[in-house]
Amino acid sequence: MVVSCSAYGCSNRYIKGQPIHFFNFPFKNNILLDKWVNALKRKNFKPTQWSRVCSEHFTEEDYVHRPGSDRPLLKIDSVPSIFKAFPSYLQPKPIKIRKLPAQRNQLRIDEPILEPILEPVEPICGSNSSIAENLAENSNYCDKEVQTSDSYTSELKLKRKIKYLHQKLHRTQKKVDNLEDLVNNLKNEGHIDSEQQNIIINNFNGIYL
């Protein structure tokens, strides 16, 4: 059976070796099938399982690009849209890009150019002091302030660290006392002798628990 294109005015037929490919109608998708039939604009046309549409009626965006494959594959939502045989009133109208008038792209020469108004700046210091002297004084003041702030921060950190070490030492001493009480109880109950008691205490002596 000869395979030919069902599009209006298209005379393409399948010939082995030619670069034109033919695609089946999407019968498994009724919505997409209706779009294909409406795109062909053939009165009373009903496609069959042998009906085909050739590749000349699809755009590059309609294909799935598969590197290394010679056979093109349509995307699942592709619809034929190129029909050169249609009369002019059925052809899609080209999109016109409106150009802006030339005067909109140019600055109007007759418009005055506004210059910035510079107001006199009041001196920072009194009339008897120079700006440089005031800046130097402000800089020295800031340096002293920063140094004072750094010293206070360092002192505060040291106080916190000393407080933490005191608390840690207190907890450690408490654990050592508890250990000694435990060892003494074990000795009093006869679980260990004096030699074992001394060994345990000496082993844990100086170790933070």
C-alpha atoms as a PDB file:
ATOM      1  CA  MET A   1       0.000   0.000   0.000  1.00  0.00           C
ATOM      2  CA  VAL A   2       1.332   3.421  -0.944  1.00  0.00           C
ATOM      3  CA  VAL A   3       1.906   5.704   2.044  1.00  0.00           C
ATOM      4  CA  SER A   4       0.995   9.321   1.299  1.00  0.00           C
ATOM      5  CA  CYS A   5       0.425  12.507   3.271  1.00  0.00           C
ATOM      6  CA  SER A   6      -3.154  13.365   4.263  1.00  0.00           C
ATOM      7  CA  ALA A   7      -2.559  17.123   4.440  1.00  0.00           C
ATOM      8  CA  TYR A   8      -4.426  19.382   2.007  1.00  0.00           C
ATOM      9  CA  GLY A   9      -2.473  19.987  -1.206  1.00  0.00           C
ATOM     10  CA  CYS A  10       0.476  17.808  -0.137  1.00  0.00           C
ATOM     11  CA  SER A  11       1.597  15.228  -2.703  1.00  0.00           C
ATOM     12  CA  ASN A  12       4.413  13.669  -0.705  1.00  0.00           C
ATOM     13  CA  ARG A  13       4.571   9.886  -0.806  1.00  0.00           C
ATOM     14  CA  TYR A  14       6.855   7.472   0.903  1.00  0.00           C
ATOM     15  CA  ILE A  15       9.978   6.726  -1.118  1.00  0.00           C
ATOM     16  CA  LYS A  16      12.759   4.705   0.429  1.00  0.00           C
ATOM     17  CA  GLY A  17      15.826   6.805   1.162  1.00  0.00           C
ATOM     18  CA  GLN A  18      14.133  10.199   0.969  1.00  0.00           C
ATOM     19  CA  PRO A  19      14.509  12.598   3.954  1.00  0.00           C
ATOM     20  CA  ILE A  20      10.741  12.919   4.444  1.00  0.00           C
ATOM     21  CA  HIS A  21       9.155  10.949   7.287  1.00  0.00           C
ATOM     22  CA  PHE A  22       5.514  10.028   7.858  1.00  0.00           C
ATOM     23  CA  PHE A  23       3.697   9.958  11.192  1.00  0.00           C
ATOM     24  CA  ASN A  24       0.582   8.126  12.344  1.00  0.00           C
ATOM     25  CA  PHE A  25      -2.412   9.971  13.767  1.00  0.00           C
ATOM     26  CA  PRO A  26      -2.575   9.892  17.611  1.00  0.00           C
ATOM     27  CA  PHE A  27      -5.592   7.574  17.916  1.00  0.00           C
ATOM     28  CA  LYS A  28      -4.828   6.816  21.567  1.00  0.00           C
ATOM     29  CA  ASN A  29      -5.340  10.478  22.519  1.00  0.00           C
ATOM     30  CA  ASN A  30      -8.756  11.728  21.397  1.00  0.00           C
ATOM     31  CA  ILE A  31      -8.086  15.353  22.333  1.00  0.00           C
ATOM     32  CA  LEU A  32      -4.816  15.425  20.410  1.00  0.00           C
ATOM     33  CA  LEU A  33      -6.453  13.551  17.514  1.00  0.00           C
ATOM     34  CA  ASP A  34      -9.115  16.263  17.208  1.00  0.00           C
ATOM     35  CA  LYS A  35      -6.383  18.907  17.113  1.00  0.00           C
ATOM     36  CA  TRP A  36      -4.681  17.102  14.234  1.00  0.00           C
ATOM     37  CA  VAL A  37      -7.914  16.770  12.269  1.00  0.00           C
ATOM     38  CA  ASN A  38      -8.847  20.425  12.858  1.00  0.00           C
ATOM     39  CA  ALA A  39      -5.359  21.521  11.805  1.00  0.00           C
ATOM     40  CA  LEU A  40      -5.735  19.749   8.428  1.00  0.00           C
ATOM     41  CA  LYS A  41      -8.997  21.680   7.743  1.00  0.00           C
ATOM     42  CA  ARG A  42     -10.323  18.980   5.388  1.00  0.00           C
ATOM     43  CA  LYS A  43     -14.095  18.809   5.252  1.00  0.00           C
ATOM     44  CA  ASN A  44     -15.579  15.484   6.427  1.00  0.00           C
ATOM     45  CA  PHE A  45     -12.105  14.001   6.787  1.00  0.00           C
ATOM     46  CA  LYS A  46     -11.811  11.029   9.139  1.00  0.00           C
ATOM     47  CA  PRO A  47      -8.359   9.489   9.520  1.00  0.00           C
ATOM     48  CA  THR A  48      -7.844   5.728   9.462  1.00  0.00           C
ATOM     49  CA  GLN A  49      -5.036   3.535  10.701  1.00  0.00           C
ATOM     50  CA  TRP A  50      -3.331   4.004   7.321  1.00  0.00           C
ATOM     51  CA  SER A  51      -3.556   7.802   7.313  1.00  0.00           C
ATOM     52  CA  ARG A  52      -0.281   9.680   7.699  1.00  0.00           C
ATOM     53  CA  VAL A  53       1.045  13.251   7.950  1.00  0.00           C
ATOM     54  CA  CYS A  54       4.526  13.938   6.617  1.00  0.00           C
ATOM     55  CA  SER A  55       7.348  15.719   8.438  1.00  0.00           C
ATOM     56  CA  GLU A  56       7.085  18.876   6.288  1.00  0.00           C
ATOM     57  CA  HIS A  57       4.065  19.996   8.329  1.00  0.00           C
ATOM     58  CA  PHE A  58       5.897  20.130  11.668  1.00  0.00           C
ATOM     59  CA  THR A  59       8.347  22.659  13.097  1.00  0.00           C
ATOM     60  CA  GLU A  60      11.709  21.919  14.699  1.00  0.00           C
ATOM     61  CA  GLU A  61      10.154  22.530  18.121  1.00  0.00           C
ATOM     62  CA  ASP A  62       7.743  19.629  17.534  1.00  0.00           C
ATOM     63  CA  TYR A  63      10.494  16.993  17.607  1.00  0.00           C
ATOM     64  CA  VAL A  64      12.329  15.264  20.410  1.00  0.00           C
ATOM     65  CA  HIS A  65      16.031  15.633  19.709  1.00  0.00           C
ATOM     66  CA  ARG A  66      17.727  12.247  20.009  1.00  0.00           C
ATOM     67  CA  PRO A  67      21.476  12.330  19.297  1.00  0.00           C
ATOM     68  CA  GLY A  68      22.576   9.448  17.102  1.00  0.00           C
ATOM     69  CA  SER A  69      19.063   8.565  15.874  1.00  0.00           C
ATOM     70  CA  ASP A  70      18.118   8.907  12.194  1.00  0.00           C
ATOM     71  CA  ARG A  71      14.375   8.600  12.741  1.00  0.00           C
ATOM     72  CA  PRO A  72      12.659  11.698  14.168  1.00  0.00           C
ATOM     73  CA  LEU A  73      10.275  11.397  17.096  1.00  0.00           C
ATOM     74  CA  LEU A  74       7.396  13.788  17.735  1.00  0.00           C
ATOM     75  CA  LYS A  75       6.688  15.209  21.163  1.00  0.00           C
ATOM     76  CA  ILE A  76       3.534  13.889  22.804  1.00  0.00           C
ATOM     77  CA  ASP A  77       1.711  17.214  22.304  1.00  0.00           C
ATOM     78  CA  SER A  78       2.928  18.081  18.790  1.00  0.00           C
ATOM     79  CA  VAL A  79       0.339  19.236  16.246  1.00  0.00           C
ATOM     80  CA  PRO A  80       0.979  19.824  12.504  1.00  0.00           C
ATOM     81  CA  SER A  81       1.014  23.553  11.785  1.00  0.00           C
ATOM     82  CA  ILE A  82       2.785  24.156   8.458  1.00  0.00           C
ATOM     83  CA  PHE A  83       0.494  23.996   5.413  1.00  0.00           C
ATOM     84  CA  LYS A  84       1.912  25.889   2.460  1.00  0.00           C
ATOM     85  CA  ALA A  85      -0.957  24.806   0.171  1.00  0.00           C
ATOM     86  CA  PHE A  86      -3.577  26.609   2.279  1.00  0.00           C
ATOM     87  CA  PRO A  87      -5.069  29.783   0.792  1.00  0.00           C
ATOM     88  CA  SER A  88      -3.704  33.046   2.152  1.00  0.00           C
ATOM     89  CA  TYR A  89      -6.650  33.685   4.482  1.00  0.00           C
ATOM     90  CA  LEU A  90      -5.900  30.408   6.291  1.00  0.00           C
ATOM     91  CA  GLN A  91      -2.208  31.111   6.663  1.00  0.00           C
ATOM     92  CA  PRO A  92      -1.054  32.411  10.062  1.00  0.00           C
ATOM     93  CA  LYS A  93      -0.464  36.127  10.052  1.00  0.00           C
ATOM     94  CA  PRO A  94       3.150  37.151  10.666  1.00  0.00           C
ATOM     95  CA  ILE A  95       3.785  38.980  13.889  1.00  0.00           C
ATOM     96  CA  LYS A  96       4.650  42.611  13.232  1.00  0.00           C
ATOM     97  CA  ILE A  97       7.123  44.273  15.528  1.00  0.00           C
ATOM     98  CA  ARG A  98       6.226  47.902  16.050  1.00  0.00           C
ATOM     99  CA  LYS A  99       9.139  50.263  15.942  1.00  0.00           C
ATOM    100  CA  LEU A 100       9.215  53.198  18.273  1.00  0.00           C
ATOM    101  CA  PRO A 101       9.146  56.614  16.615  1.00  0.00           C
ATOM    102  CA  ALA A 102      12.562  58.101  16.105  1.00  0.00           C
ATOM    103  CA  GLN A 103      11.814  61.037  18.346  1.00  0.00           C
ATOM    104  CA  ARG A 104      11.212  58.666  21.286  1.00  0.00           C
ATOM    105  CA  ASN A 105      14.704  57.271  20.972  1.00  0.00           C
ATOM    106  CA  GLN A 106      16.376  60.677  20.943  1.00  0.00           C
ATOM    107  CA  LEU A 107      16.755  63.275  23.635  1.00  0.00           C
ATOM    108  CA  ARG A 108      14.997  66.507  22.975  1.00  0.00           C
ATOM    109  CA  ILE A 109      17.629  69.159  22.440  1.00  0.00           C
ATOM    110  CA  ASP A 110      15.364  72.022  23.415  1.00  0.00           C
ATOM    111  CA  GLU A 111      14.782  70.617  26.904  1.00  0.00           C
ATOM    112  CA  PRO A 112      16.883  72.477  29.493  1.00  0.00           C
ATOM    113  CA  ILE A 113      19.479  70.504  31.374  1.00  0.00           C
ATOM    114  CA  LEU A 114      19.050  70.896  35.102  1.00  0.00           C
ATOM    115  CA  GLU A 115      22.249  71.490  37.001  1.00  0.00           C
ATOM    116  CA  PRO A 116      22.581  70.465  40.634  1.00  0.00           C
ATOM    117  CA  ILE A 117      22.272  73.294  43.149  1.00  0.00           C
ATOM    118  CA  LEU A 118      25.168  73.336  45.548  1.00  0.00           C
ATOM    119  CA  GLU A 119      24.309  74.833  48.914  1.00  0.00           C
ATOM    120  CA  PRO A 120      27.050  76.146  51.220  1.00  0.00           C
ATOM    121  CA  VAL A 121      27.997  73.652  53.891  1.00  0.00           C
ATOM    122  CA  GLU A 122      28.294  74.929  57.425  1.00  0.00           C
ATOM    123  CA  PRO A 123      31.697  74.293  59.012  1.00  0.00           C
ATOM    124  CA  ILE A 124      31.818  71.381  61.403  1.00  0.00           C
ATOM    125  CA  CYS A 125      33.796  73.276  64.012  1.00  0.00           C
ATOM    126  CA  GLY A 126      34.010  76.864  65.108  1.00  0.00           C
ATOM    127  CA  SER A 127      35.644  79.497  62.992  1.00  0.00           C
ATOM    128  CA  ASN A 128      38.890  79.288  65.022  1.00  0.00           C
ATOM    129  CA  SER A 129      39.371  75.529  64.416  1.00  0.00           C
ATOM    130  CA  SER A 130      40.264  73.915  61.144  1.00  0.00           C
ATOM    131  CA  ILE A 131      38.516  70.903  59.705  1.00  0.00           C
ATOM    132  CA  ALA A 132      41.725  68.881  59.835  1.00  0.00           C
ATOM    133  CA  GLU A 133      42.145  69.500  63.557  1.00  0.00           C
ATOM    134  CA  ASN A 134      38.581  68.420  64.272  1.00  0.00           C
ATOM    135  CA  LEU A 135      38.975  65.288  62.190  1.00  0.00           C
ATOM    136  CA  ALA A 136      42.171  64.412  64.051  1.00  0.00           C
ATOM    137  CA  GLU A 137      40.496  64.947  67.424  1.00  0.00           C
ATOM    138  CA  ASN A 138      37.501  62.842  66.395  1.00  0.00           C
ATOM    139  CA  SER A 139      39.836  60.098  65.171  1.00  0.00           C
ATOM    140  CA  ASN A 140      41.793  60.067  68.444  1.00  0.00           C
ATOM    141  CA  TYR A 141      38.569  59.984  70.424  1.00  0.00           C
ATOM    142  CA  CYS A 142      37.300  57.050  68.379  1.00  0.00           C
ATOM    143  CA  ASP A 143      40.602  55.172  68.830  1.00  0.00           C
ATOM    144  CA  LYS A 144      40.462  55.621  72.605  1.00  0.00           C
ATOM    145  CA  GLU A 145      36.849  54.534  72.636  1.00  0.00           C
ATOM    146  CA  VAL A 146      37.654  51.392  70.646  1.00  0.00           C
ATOM    147  CA  GLN A 147      40.599  50.548  72.904  1.00  0.00           C
ATOM    148  CA  THR A 148      38.456  51.007  76.007  1.00  0.00           C
ATOM    149  CA  SER A 149      35.755  48.810  74.528  1.00  0.00           C
ATOM    150  CA  ASP A 150      38.274  46.084  73.615  1.00  0.00           C
ATOM    151  CA  SER A 151      39.797  46.138  77.105  1.00  0.00           C
ATOM    152  CA  TYR A 152      36.389  45.858  78.720  1.00  0.00           C
ATOM    153  CA  THR A 153      35.483  42.939  76.451  1.00  0.00           C
ATOM    154  CA  SER A 154      38.726  41.078  77.241  1.00  0.00           C
ATOM    155  CA  GLU A 155      38.283  41.620  80.974  1.00  0.00           C
ATOM    156  CA  LEU A 156      34.707  40.378  80.815  1.00  0.00           C
ATOM    157  CA  LYS A 157      35.811  37.228  78.971  1.00  0.00           C
ATOM    158  CA  LEU A 158      38.500  36.529  81.571  1.00  0.00           C
ATOM    159  CA  LYS A 159      36.017  36.912  84.440  1.00  0.00           C
ATOM    160  CA  ARG A 160      33.626  34.506  82.767  1.00  0.00           C
ATOM    161  CA  LYS A 161      36.418  31.972  82.188  1.00  0.00           C
ATOM    162  CA  ILE A 162      37.580  32.201  85.820  1.00  0.00           C
ATOM    163  CA  LYS A 163      34.022  31.701  87.016  1.00  0.00           C
ATOM    164  CA  TYR A 164      33.640  28.669  84.754  1.00  0.00           C
ATOM    165  CA  LEU A 165      36.906  27.130  86.022  1.00  0.00           C
ATOM    166  CA  HIS A 166      35.829  27.631  89.654  1.00  0.00           C
ATOM    167  CA  GLN A 167      32.546  25.885  88.961  1.00  0.00           C
ATOM    168  CA  LYS A 168      34.320  23.039  87.172  1.00  0.00           C
ATOM    169  CA  LEU A 169      36.796  22.634  90.040  1.00  0.00           C
ATOM    170  CA  HIS A 170      33.950  22.561  92.543  1.00  0.00           C
ATOM    171  CA  ARG A 171      32.109  19.852  90.577  1.00  0.00           C
ATOM    172  CA  THR A 172      35.306  17.809  90.240  1.00  0.00           C
ATOM    173  CA  GLN A 173      36.063  18.010  93.943  1.00  0.00           C
ATOM    174  CA  LYS A 174      32.525  16.938  94.717  1.00  0.00           C
ATOM    175  CA  LYS A 175      32.904  13.880  92.469  1.00  0.00           C
ATOM    176  CA  VAL A 176      36.209  12.988  94.133  1.00  0.00           C
ATOM    177  CA  ASP A 177      34.580  13.231  97.558  1.00  0.00           C
ATOM    178  CA  ASN A 178      31.740  11.002  96.393  1.00  0.00           C
ATOM    179  CA  LEU A 179      34.245   8.481  95.046  1.00  0.00           C
ATOM    180  CA  GLU A 180      36.132   8.402  98.328  1.00  0.00           C
ATOM    181  CA  ASP A 181      32.882   7.862 100.219  1.00  0.00           C
ATOM    182  CA  LEU A 182      32.004   5.019  97.862  1.00  0.00           C
ATOM    183  CA  VAL A 183      35.410   3.363  98.304  1.00  0.00           C
ATOM    184  CA  ASN A 184      35.169   3.718 102.083  1.00  0.00           C
ATOM    185  CA  ASN A 185      31.717   2.119 102.071  1.00  0.00           C
ATOM    186  CA  LEU A 186      33.003  -0.776  99.970  1.00  0.00           C
ATOM    187  CA  LYS A 187      35.838  -1.294 102.434  1.00  0.00           C
ATOM    188  CA  ASN A 188      33.535  -1.073 105.471  1.00  0.00           C
ATOM    189  CA  GLU A 189      31.177  -3.630 103.928  1.00  0.00           C
ATOM    190  CA  GLY A 190      34.071  -5.991 103.293  1.00  0.00           C
ATOM    191  CA  HIS A 191      34.007  -5.880  99.504  1.00  0.00           C
ATOM    192  CA  ILE A 192      37.590  -4.549  99.259  1.00  0.00           C
ATOM    193  CA  ASP A 193      40.566  -4.428 101.625  1.00  0.00           C
ATOM    194  CA  SER A 194      42.790  -1.495 102.583  1.00  0.00           C
ATOM    195  CA  GLU A 195      45.294  -2.208  99.828  1.00  0.00           C
ATOM    196  CA  GLN A 196      42.599  -2.188  97.161  1.00  0.00           C
ATOM    197  CA  GLN A 197      41.173   0.961  98.681  1.00  0.00           C
ATOM    198  CA  ASN A 198      44.503   2.776  98.357  1.00  0.00           C
ATOM    199  CA  ILE A 199      44.997   1.549  94.789  1.00  0.00           C
ATOM    200  CA  ILE A 200      41.593   2.876  93.680  1.00  0.00           C
ATOM    201  CA  ILE A 201      42.048   6.251  95.358  1.00  0.00           C
ATOM    202  CA  ASN A 202      45.596   6.668  94.003  1.00  0.00           C
ATOM    203  CA  ASN A 203      44.505   5.754  90.465  1.00  0.00           C
ATOM    204  CA  PHE A 204      41.793   8.396  90.461  1.00  0.00           C
ATOM    205  CA  ASN A 205      43.839  11.017  92.256  1.00  0.00           C
ATOM    206  CA  GLY A 206      44.271  14.110  90.036  1.00  0.00           C
ATOM    207  CA  ILE A 207      41.820  12.838  87.380  1.00  0.00           C
ATOM    208  CA  TYR A 208      38.794  14.978  86.475  1.00  0.00           C
ATOM    209  CA  LEU A 209      35.651  12.865  86.602  1.00  0.00           C
END
